[in-house]
Amino acid sequence: MELLLLLLIAGVCGSIAQSIVGATRGGCLASIVLGFIGALLGSWLSAKAGLPELLTIQVGNRGFPVIWSIIGASLFVAVLVLLTGRRRG
């Protein structure tokens, strides 16, 4: 059940990031992957900058950084759009 909840949270974060950038292609699976990539990238950036974790949702014994996931996924999608060209779904 925890895994399904993490997948749902990551999907929402990834789809919000896609909406911010304006690239809405790839569907639900792409949004989930973007959410997890964003969480990794955003957490790494916040640690390097010495910034605190913002809005971390605890799922079982794991925390998911929602704000940093959205920021990291937005940056990742923006770089992908710059490299591959804008694609609107």
PDB file of N, CA and C in Angstrom:
ATOM      1  N   MET A   1       0.812  -1.191   0.000  1.00  0.00           N
ATOM      2  CA  MET A   1       0.000   0.000   0.000  1.00  0.00           C
ATOM      3  C   MET A   1       0.860   1.263   0.000  1.00  0.00           C
ATOM      4  N   GLU A   2       1.995   1.198   0.711  1.00  0.00           N
ATOM      5  CA  GLU A   2       2.894   2.350   0.766  1.00  0.00           C
ATOM      6  C   GLU A   2       3.462   2.666  -0.616  1.00  0.00           C
ATOM      7  N   LEU A   3       3.796   1.627  -1.363  1.00  0.00           N
ATOM      8  CA  LEU A   3       4.346   1.830  -2.698  1.00  0.00           C
ATOM      9  C   LEU A   3       3.328   2.511  -3.612  1.00  0.00           C
ATOM     10  N   LEU A   4       2.078   2.092  -3.533  1.00  0.00           N
ATOM     11  CA  LEU A   4       1.036   2.717  -4.352  1.00  0.00           C
ATOM     12  C   LEU A   4       0.848   4.187  -3.990  1.00  0.00           C
ATOM     13  N   LEU A   5       0.928   4.495  -2.711  1.00  0.00           N
ATOM     14  CA  LEU A   5       0.800   5.882  -2.273  1.00  0.00           C
ATOM     15  C   LEU A   5       1.984   6.716  -2.759  1.00  0.00           C
ATOM     16  N   LEU A   6       3.196   6.156  -2.694  1.00  0.00           N
ATOM     17  CA  LEU A   6       4.376   6.856  -3.213  1.00  0.00           C
ATOM     18  C   LEU A   6       4.256   7.090  -4.716  1.00  0.00           C
ATOM     19  N   LEU A   7       3.763   6.091  -5.448  1.00  0.00           N
ATOM     20  CA  LEU A   7       3.571   6.244  -6.888  1.00  0.00           C
ATOM     21  C   LEU A   7       2.542   7.336  -7.193  1.00  0.00           C
ATOM     22  N   LEU A   8       1.489   7.396  -6.418  1.00  0.00           N
ATOM     23  CA  LEU A   8       0.469   8.425  -6.607  1.00  0.00           C
ATOM     24  C   LEU A   8       1.028   9.817  -6.347  1.00  0.00           C
ATOM     25  N   ILE A   9       1.769   9.973  -5.257  1.00  0.00           N
ATOM     26  CA  ILE A   9       2.358  11.274  -4.928  1.00  0.00           C
ATOM     27  C   ILE A   9       3.366  11.686  -5.995  1.00  0.00           C
ATOM     28  N   ALA A  10       4.207  10.759  -6.439  1.00  0.00           N
ATOM     29  CA  ALA A  10       5.190  11.060  -7.478  1.00  0.00           C
ATOM     30  C   ALA A  10       4.501  11.431  -8.787  1.00  0.00           C
ATOM     31  N   GLY A  11       3.417  10.747  -9.116  1.00  0.00           N
ATOM     32  CA  GLY A  11       2.679  11.066 -10.338  1.00  0.00           C
ATOM     33  C   GLY A  11       2.084  12.458 -10.310  1.00  0.00           C
ATOM     34  N   VAL A  12       1.536  12.835  -9.170  1.00  0.00           N
ATOM     35  CA  VAL A  12       0.964  14.179  -9.040  1.00  0.00           C
ATOM     36  C   VAL A  12       2.059  15.234  -9.148  1.00  0.00           C
ATOM     37  N   CYS A  13       3.181  15.005  -8.468  1.00  0.00           N
ATOM     38  CA  CYS A  13       4.298  15.963  -8.532  1.00  0.00           C
ATOM     39  C   CYS A  13       4.842  16.074  -9.961  1.00  0.00           C
ATOM     40  N   GLY A  14       4.980  14.954 -10.648  1.00  0.00           N
ATOM     41  CA  GLY A  14       5.472  14.973 -12.026  1.00  0.00           C
ATOM     42  C   GLY A  14       4.524  15.669 -12.970  1.00  0.00           C
ATOM     43  N   SER A  15       3.226  15.470 -12.794  1.00  0.00           N
ATOM     44  CA  SER A  15       2.268  16.126 -13.680  1.00  0.00           C
ATOM     45  C   SER A  15       2.192  17.623 -13.399  1.00  0.00           C
ATOM     46  N   ILE A  16       2.341  18.035 -12.149  1.00  0.00           N
ATOM     47  CA  ILE A  16       2.401  19.465 -11.835  1.00  0.00           C
ATOM     48  C   ILE A  16       3.631  20.093 -12.482  1.00  0.00           C
ATOM     49  N   ALA A  17       4.758  19.403 -12.422  1.00  0.00           N
ATOM     50  CA  ALA A  17       5.982  19.915 -13.041  1.00  0.00           C
ATOM     51  C   ALA A  17       5.823  20.043 -14.554  1.00  0.00           C
ATOM     52  N   GLN A  18       5.194  19.058 -15.189  1.00  0.00           N
ATOM     53  CA  GLN A  18       4.955  19.144 -16.628  1.00  0.00           C
ATOM     54  C   GLN A  18       4.044  20.311 -16.961  1.00  0.00           C
ATOM     55  N   SER A  19       3.052  20.550 -16.138  1.00  0.00           N
ATOM     56  CA  SER A  19       2.137  21.667 -16.377  1.00  0.00           C
ATOM     57  C   SER A  19       2.842  23.009 -16.222  1.00  0.00           C
ATOM     58  N   ILE A  20       3.748  23.107 -15.252  1.00  0.00           N
ATOM     59  CA  ILE A  20       4.498  24.348 -15.049  1.00  0.00           C
ATOM     60  C   ILE A  20       5.342  24.662 -16.274  1.00  0.00           C
ATOM     61  N   VAL A  21       6.016  23.657 -16.805  1.00  0.00           N
ATOM     62  CA  VAL A  21       6.902  23.859 -17.955  1.00  0.00           C
ATOM     63  C   VAL A  21       6.104  23.977 -19.247  1.00  0.00           C
ATOM     64  N   GLY A  22       4.977  23.289 -19.327  1.00  0.00           N
ATOM     65  CA  GLY A  22       4.145  23.347 -20.523  1.00  0.00           C
ATOM     66  C   GLY A  22       4.347  22.175 -21.463  1.00  0.00           C
ATOM     67  N   ALA A  23       5.050  21.167 -21.017  1.00  0.00           N
ATOM     68  CA  ALA A  23       5.268  19.967 -21.830  1.00  0.00           C
ATOM     69  C   ALA A  23       4.431  18.849 -21.243  1.00  0.00           C
ATOM     70  N   THR A  24       3.306  18.550 -21.845  1.00  0.00           N
ATOM     71  CA  THR A  24       2.397  17.552 -21.277  1.00  0.00           C
ATOM     72  C   THR A  24       2.335  16.320 -22.164  1.00  0.00           C
ATOM     73  N   ARG A  25       3.435  15.630 -22.260  1.00  0.00           N
ATOM     74  CA  ARG A  25       3.475  14.434 -23.082  1.00  0.00           C
ATOM     75  C   ARG A  25       4.037  13.271 -22.281  1.00  0.00           C
ATOM     76  N   GLY A  26       3.500  12.110 -22.467  1.00  0.00           N
ATOM     77  CA  GLY A  26       4.070  10.940 -21.837  1.00  0.00           C
ATOM     78  C   GLY A  26       3.114  10.162 -20.963  1.00  0.00           C
ATOM     79  N   GLY A  27       2.062  10.760 -20.503  1.00  0.00           N
ATOM     80  CA  GLY A  27       1.068  10.036 -19.735  1.00  0.00           C
ATOM     81  C   GLY A  27       1.425   9.841 -18.276  1.00  0.00           C
ATOM     82  N   CYS A  28       0.722   8.914 -17.658  1.00  0.00           N
ATOM     83  CA  CYS A  28       0.816   8.688 -16.219  1.00  0.00           C
ATOM     84  C   CYS A  28       2.179   8.124 -15.819  1.00  0.00           C
ATOM     85  N   LEU A  29       2.679   7.167 -16.563  1.00  0.00           N
ATOM     86  CA  LEU A  29       3.959   6.556 -16.235  1.00  0.00           C
ATOM     87  C   LEU A  29       5.092   7.579 -16.306  1.00  0.00           C
ATOM     88  N   ALA A  30       5.062   8.435 -17.316  1.00  0.00           N
ATOM     89  CA  ALA A  30       6.083   9.480 -17.432  1.00  0.00           C
ATOM     90  C   ALA A  30       6.000  10.453 -16.262  1.00  0.00           C
ATOM     91  N   SER A  31       4.807  10.766 -15.811  1.00  0.00           N
ATOM     92  CA  SER A  31       4.642  11.666 -14.672  1.00  0.00           C
ATOM     93  C   SER A  31       5.207  11.053 -13.395  1.00  0.00           C
ATOM     94  N   ILE A  32       4.997   9.759 -13.214  1.00  0.00           N
ATOM     95  CA  ILE A  32       5.524   9.071 -12.037  1.00  0.00           C
ATOM     96  C   ILE A  32       7.049   9.081 -12.062  1.00  0.00           C
ATOM     97  N   VAL A  33       7.627   8.761 -13.213  1.00  0.00           N
ATOM     98  CA  VAL A  33       9.080   8.756 -13.344  1.00  0.00           C
ATOM     99  C   VAL A  33       9.636  10.157 -13.113  1.00  0.00           C
ATOM    100  N   LEU A  34       8.986  11.166 -13.683  1.00  0.00           N
ATOM    101  CA  LEU A  34       9.428  12.546 -13.474  1.00  0.00           C
ATOM    102  C   LEU A  34       9.339  12.944 -12.009  1.00  0.00           C
ATOM    103  N   GLY A  35       8.312  12.492 -11.316  1.00  0.00           N
ATOM    104  CA  GLY A  35       8.176  12.785  -9.894  1.00  0.00           C
ATOM    105  C   GLY A  35       9.331  12.226  -9.082  1.00  0.00           C
ATOM    106  N   PHE A  36       9.727  10.994  -9.376  1.00  0.00           N
ATOM    107  CA  PHE A  36      10.844  10.386  -8.654  1.00  0.00           C
ATOM    108  C   PHE A  36      12.177  11.027  -9.048  1.00  0.00           C
ATOM    109  N   ILE A  37      12.382  11.294 -10.328  1.00  0.00           N
ATOM    110  CA  ILE A  37      13.606  11.981 -10.760  1.00  0.00           C
ATOM    111  C   ILE A  37      13.663  13.368 -10.130  1.00  0.00           C
ATOM    112  N   GLY A  38      12.525  14.045 -10.107  1.00  0.00           N
ATOM    113  CA  GLY A  38      12.468  15.357  -9.483  1.00  0.00           C
ATOM    114  C   GLY A  38      12.787  15.316  -7.996  1.00  0.00           C
ATOM    115  N   ALA A  39      12.314  14.284  -7.311  1.00  0.00           N
ATOM    116  CA  ALA A  39      12.606  14.146  -5.880  1.00  0.00           C
ATOM    117  C   ALA A  39      14.103  13.964  -5.652  1.00  0.00           C
ATOM    118  N   LEU A  40      14.726  13.152  -6.483  1.00  0.00           N
ATOM    119  CA  LEU A  40      16.171  12.948  -6.352  1.00  0.00           C
ATOM    120  C   LEU A  40      16.940  14.219  -6.684  1.00  0.00           C
ATOM    121  N   LEU A  41      16.614  14.839  -7.809  1.00  0.00           N
ATOM    122  CA  LEU A  41      17.308  16.053  -8.242  1.00  0.00           C
ATOM    123  C   LEU A  41      17.047  17.209  -7.284  1.00  0.00           C
ATOM    124  N   GLY A  42      15.800  17.399  -6.900  1.00  0.00           N
ATOM    125  CA  GLY A  42      15.456  18.495  -6.002  1.00  0.00           C
ATOM    126  C   GLY A  42      16.078  18.343  -4.626  1.00  0.00           C
ATOM    127  N   SER A  43      16.074  17.131  -4.088  1.00  0.00           N
ATOM    128  CA  SER A  43      16.699  16.891  -2.780  1.00  0.00           C
ATOM    129  C   SER A  43      18.200  17.119  -2.844  1.00  0.00           C
ATOM    130  N   TRP A  44      18.824  16.700  -3.930  1.00  0.00           N
ATOM    131  CA  TRP A  44      20.258  16.909  -4.098  1.00  0.00           C
ATOM    132  C   TRP A  44      20.572  18.404  -4.179  1.00  0.00           C
ATOM    133  N   LEU A  45      19.785  19.146  -4.961  1.00  0.00           N
ATOM    134  CA  LEU A  45      20.001  20.586  -5.082  1.00  0.00           C
ATOM    135  C   LEU A  45      19.788  21.305  -3.751  1.00  0.00           C
ATOM    136  N   SER A  46      18.762  20.906  -3.013  1.00  0.00           N
ATOM    137  CA  SER A  46      18.506  21.559  -1.724  1.00  0.00           C
ATOM    138  C   SER A  46      19.613  21.258  -0.720  1.00  0.00           C
ATOM    139  N   ALA A  47      20.152  20.042  -0.760  1.00  0.00           N
ATOM    140  CA  ALA A  47      21.256  19.699   0.138  1.00  0.00           C
ATOM    141  C   ALA A  47      22.509  20.495  -0.220  1.00  0.00           C
ATOM    142  N   LYS A  48      22.795  20.641  -1.517  1.00  0.00           N
ATOM    143  CA  LYS A  48      23.973  21.409  -1.950  1.00  0.00           C
ATOM    144  C   LYS A  48      23.839  22.882  -1.593  1.00  0.00           C
ATOM    145  N   ALA A  49      22.624  23.410  -1.648  1.00  0.00           N
ATOM    146  CA  ALA A  49      22.389  24.823  -1.346  1.00  0.00           C
ATOM    147  C   ALA A  49      22.161  25.060   0.150  1.00  0.00           C
ATOM    148  N   GLY A  50      22.048  23.987   0.927  1.00  0.00           N
ATOM    149  CA  GLY A  50      21.824  24.116   2.359  1.00  0.00           C
ATOM    150  C   GLY A  50      20.417  24.563   2.711  1.00  0.00           C
ATOM    151  N   LEU A  51      19.461  24.245   1.861  1.00  0.00           N
ATOM    152  CA  LEU A  51      18.071  24.628   2.084  1.00  0.00           C
ATOM    153  C   LEU A  51      17.320  23.508   2.802  1.00  0.00           C
ATOM    154  N   PRO A  52      16.297  23.845   3.576  1.00  0.00           N
ATOM    155  CA  PRO A  52      15.561  22.810   4.321  1.00  0.00           C
ATOM    156  C   PRO A  52      14.595  22.045   3.419  1.00  0.00           C
ATOM    157  N   GLU A  53      14.198  20.870   3.900  1.00  0.00           N
ATOM    158  CA  GLU A  53      13.163  20.090   3.223  1.00  0.00           C
ATOM    159  C   GLU A  53      11.827  20.798   3.424  1.00  0.00           C
ATOM    160  N   LEU A  54      11.101  20.993   2.356  1.00  0.00           N
ATOM    161  CA  LEU A  54       9.805  21.659   2.425  1.00  0.00           C
ATOM    162  C   LEU A  54       8.708  20.662   2.095  1.00  0.00           C
ATOM    163  N   LEU A  55       7.689  20.618   2.913  1.00  0.00           N
ATOM    164  CA  LEU A  55       6.511  19.784   2.709  1.00  0.00           C
ATOM    165  C   LEU A  55       6.883  18.334   2.363  1.00  0.00           C
ATOM    166  N   THR A  56       7.433  17.663   3.346  1.00  0.00           N
ATOM    167  CA  THR A  56       7.773  16.251   3.190  1.00  0.00           C
ATOM    168  C   THR A  56       6.618  15.404   3.706  1.00  0.00           C
ATOM    169  N   ILE A  57       6.132  14.518   2.859  1.00  0.00           N
ATOM    170  CA  ILE A  57       5.040  13.620   3.237  1.00  0.00           C
ATOM    171  C   ILE A  57       5.643  12.287   3.674  1.00  0.00           C
ATOM    172  N   GLN A  58       5.319  11.871   4.900  1.00  0.00           N
ATOM    173  CA  GLN A  58       5.797  10.597   5.411  1.00  0.00           C
ATOM    174  C   GLN A  58       4.876   9.486   4.940  1.00  0.00           C
ATOM    175  N   VAL A  59       5.449   8.501   4.276  1.00  0.00           N
ATOM    176  CA  VAL A  59       4.718   7.310   3.848  1.00  0.00           C
ATOM    177  C   VAL A  59       5.456   6.128   4.449  1.00  0.00           C
ATOM    178  N   GLY A  60       4.880   5.578   5.494  1.00  0.00           N
ATOM    179  CA  GLY A  60       5.569   4.513   6.219  1.00  0.00           C
ATOM    180  C   GLY A  60       6.786   5.089   6.911  1.00  0.00           C
ATOM    181  N   ASN A  61       7.947   4.534   6.613  1.00  0.00           N
ATOM    182  CA  ASN A  61       9.180   5.054   7.206  1.00  0.00           C
ATOM    183  C   ASN A  61       9.976   5.903   6.218  1.00  0.00           C
ATOM    184  N   ARG A  62       9.372   6.266   5.102  1.00  0.00           N
ATOM    185  CA  ARG A  62      10.040   7.073   4.077  1.00  0.00           C
ATOM    186  C   ARG A  62       9.365   8.425   3.957  1.00  0.00           C
ATOM    187  N   GLY A  63      10.171   9.419   3.672  1.00  0.00           N
ATOM    188  CA  GLY A  63       9.631  10.746   3.417  1.00  0.00           C
ATOM    189  C   GLY A  63       9.743  11.074   1.938  1.00  0.00           C
ATOM    190  N   PHE A  64       8.755  11.780   1.412  1.00  0.00           N
ATOM    191  CA  PHE A  64       8.782  12.193   0.005  1.00  0.00           C
ATOM    192  C   PHE A  64       8.715  13.712  -0.034  1.00  0.00           C
ATOM    193  N   PRO A  65       9.793  14.376  -0.525  1.00  0.00           N
ATOM    194  CA  PRO A  65       9.848  15.843  -0.544  1.00  0.00           C
ATOM    195  C   PRO A  65       9.029  16.412  -1.701  1.00  0.00           C
ATOM    196  N   VAL A  66       7.814  16.822  -1.435  1.00  0.00           N
ATOM    197  CA  VAL A  66       6.880  17.227  -2.479  1.00  0.00           C
ATOM    198  C   VAL A  66       7.362  18.474  -3.223  1.00  0.00           C
ATOM    199  N   ILE A  67       7.695  19.521  -2.497  1.00  0.00           N
ATOM    200  CA  ILE A  67       8.099  20.779  -3.138  1.00  0.00           C
ATOM    201  C   ILE A  67       9.381  20.591  -3.939  1.00  0.00           C
ATOM    202  N   TRP A  68      10.364  19.909  -3.356  1.00  0.00           N
ATOM    203  CA  TRP A  68      11.624  19.699  -4.080  1.00  0.00           C
ATOM    204  C   TRP A  68      11.434  18.755  -5.264  1.00  0.00           C
ATOM    205  N   SER A  69      10.494  17.844  -5.167  1.00  0.00           N
ATOM    206  CA  SER A  69      10.184  16.972  -6.290  1.00  0.00           C
ATOM    207  C   SER A  69       9.625  17.777  -7.461  1.00  0.00           C
ATOM    208  N   ILE A  70       8.719  18.696  -7.171  1.00  0.00           N
ATOM    209  CA  ILE A  70       8.133  19.530  -8.224  1.00  0.00           C
ATOM    210  C   ILE A  70       9.197  20.435  -8.842  1.00  0.00           C
ATOM    211  N   ILE A  71      10.040  21.048  -7.997  1.00  0.00           N
ATOM    212  CA  ILE A  71      11.100  21.929  -8.507  1.00  0.00           C
ATOM    213  C   ILE A  71      12.101  21.136  -9.334  1.00  0.00           C
ATOM    214  N   GLY A  72      12.536  19.989  -8.825  1.00  0.00           N
ATOM    215  CA  GLY A  72      13.507  19.170  -9.555  1.00  0.00           C
ATOM    216  C   GLY A  72      12.952  18.632 -10.861  1.00  0.00           C
ATOM    217  N   ALA A  73      11.703  18.185 -10.839  1.00  0.00           N
ATOM    218  CA  ALA A  73      11.084  17.674 -12.064  1.00  0.00           C
ATOM    219  C   ALA A  73      10.867  18.793 -13.071  1.00  0.00           C
ATOM    220  N   SER A  74      10.523  19.989 -12.605  1.00  0.00           N
ATOM    221  CA  SER A  74      10.359  21.124 -13.516  1.00  0.00           C
ATOM    222  C   SER A  74      11.674  21.463 -14.201  1.00  0.00           C
ATOM    223  N   LEU A  75      12.751  21.467 -13.444  1.00  0.00           N
ATOM    224  CA  LEU A  75      14.066  21.724 -14.039  1.00  0.00           C
ATOM    225  C   LEU A  75      14.439  20.637 -15.040  1.00  0.00           C
ATOM    226  N   PHE A  76      14.171  19.389 -14.684  1.00  0.00           N
ATOM    227  CA  PHE A  76      14.487  18.271 -15.565  1.00  0.00           C
ATOM    228  C   PHE A  76      13.687  18.333 -16.862  1.00  0.00           C
ATOM    229  N   VAL A  77      12.387  18.617 -16.743  1.00  0.00           N
ATOM    230  CA  VAL A  77      11.541  18.725 -17.938  1.00  0.00           C
ATOM    231  C   VAL A  77      11.973  19.917 -18.790  1.00  0.00           C
ATOM    232  N   ALA A  78      12.323  21.025 -18.156  1.00  0.00           N
ATOM    233  CA  ALA A  78      12.766  22.203 -18.907  1.00  0.00           C
ATOM    234  C   ALA A  78      14.024  21.902 -19.710  1.00  0.00           C
ATOM    235  N   VAL A  79      14.955  21.178 -19.118  1.00  0.00           N
ATOM    236  CA  VAL A  79      16.176  20.797 -19.845  1.00  0.00           C
ATOM    237  C   VAL A  79      15.833  19.858 -20.994  1.00  0.00           C
ATOM    238  N   LEU A  80      14.930  18.899 -20.755  1.00  0.00           N
ATOM    239  CA  LEU A  80      14.519  17.988 -21.828  1.00  0.00           C
ATOM    240  C   LEU A  80      13.863  18.736 -22.979  1.00  0.00           C
ATOM    241  N   VAL A  81      13.022  19.717 -22.655  1.00  0.00           N
ATOM    242  CA  VAL A  81      12.356  20.504 -23.695  1.00  0.00           C
ATOM    243  C   VAL A  81      13.378  21.308 -24.484  1.00  0.00           C
ATOM    244  N   LEU A  82      14.366  21.868 -23.788  1.00  0.00           N
ATOM    245  CA  LEU A  82      15.399  22.636 -24.485  1.00  0.00           C
ATOM    246  C   LEU A  82      16.235  21.749 -25.415  1.00  0.00           C
ATOM    247  N   LEU A  83      16.481  20.524 -25.000  1.00  0.00           N
ATOM    248  CA  LEU A  83      17.302  19.613 -25.806  1.00  0.00           C
ATOM    249  C   LEU A  83      16.539  18.979 -26.960  1.00  0.00           C
ATOM    250  N   THR A  84      15.255  18.682 -26.741  1.00  0.00           N
ATOM    251  CA  THR A  84      14.504  17.929 -27.762  1.00  0.00           C
ATOM    252  C   THR A  84      13.473  18.762 -28.495  1.00  0.00           C
ATOM    253  N   GLY A  85      13.209  19.954 -28.044  1.00  0.00           N
ATOM    254  CA  GLY A  85      12.172  20.768 -28.667  1.00  0.00           C
ATOM    255  C   GLY A  85      10.859  20.600 -27.932  1.00  0.00           C
ATOM    256  N   ARG A  86      10.030  21.608 -27.994  1.00  0.00           N
ATOM    257  CA  ARG A  86       8.753  21.601 -27.265  1.00  0.00           C
ATOM    258  C   ARG A  86       7.765  20.652 -27.925  1.00  0.00           C
ATOM    259  N   ARG A  87       7.199  19.796 -27.095  1.00  0.00           N
ATOM    260  CA  ARG A  87       6.186  18.862 -27.581  1.00  0.00           C
ATOM    261  C   ARG A  87       4.970  18.996 -26.692  1.00  0.00           C
ATOM    262  N   ARG A  88       3.892  19.345 -27.287  1.00  0.00           N
ATOM    263  CA  ARG A  88       2.636  19.445 -26.521  1.00  0.00           C
ATOM    264  C   ARG A  88       1.754  18.277 -26.876  1.00  0.00           C
ATOM    265  N   GLY A  89       1.151  17.687 -25.844  1.00  0.00           N
ATOM    266  CA  GLY A  89       0.323  16.506 -26.028  1.00  0.00           C
ATOM    267  C   GLY A  89      -1.018  16.853 -26.481  1.00  0.00           C
TER     268      GLY A  89
END
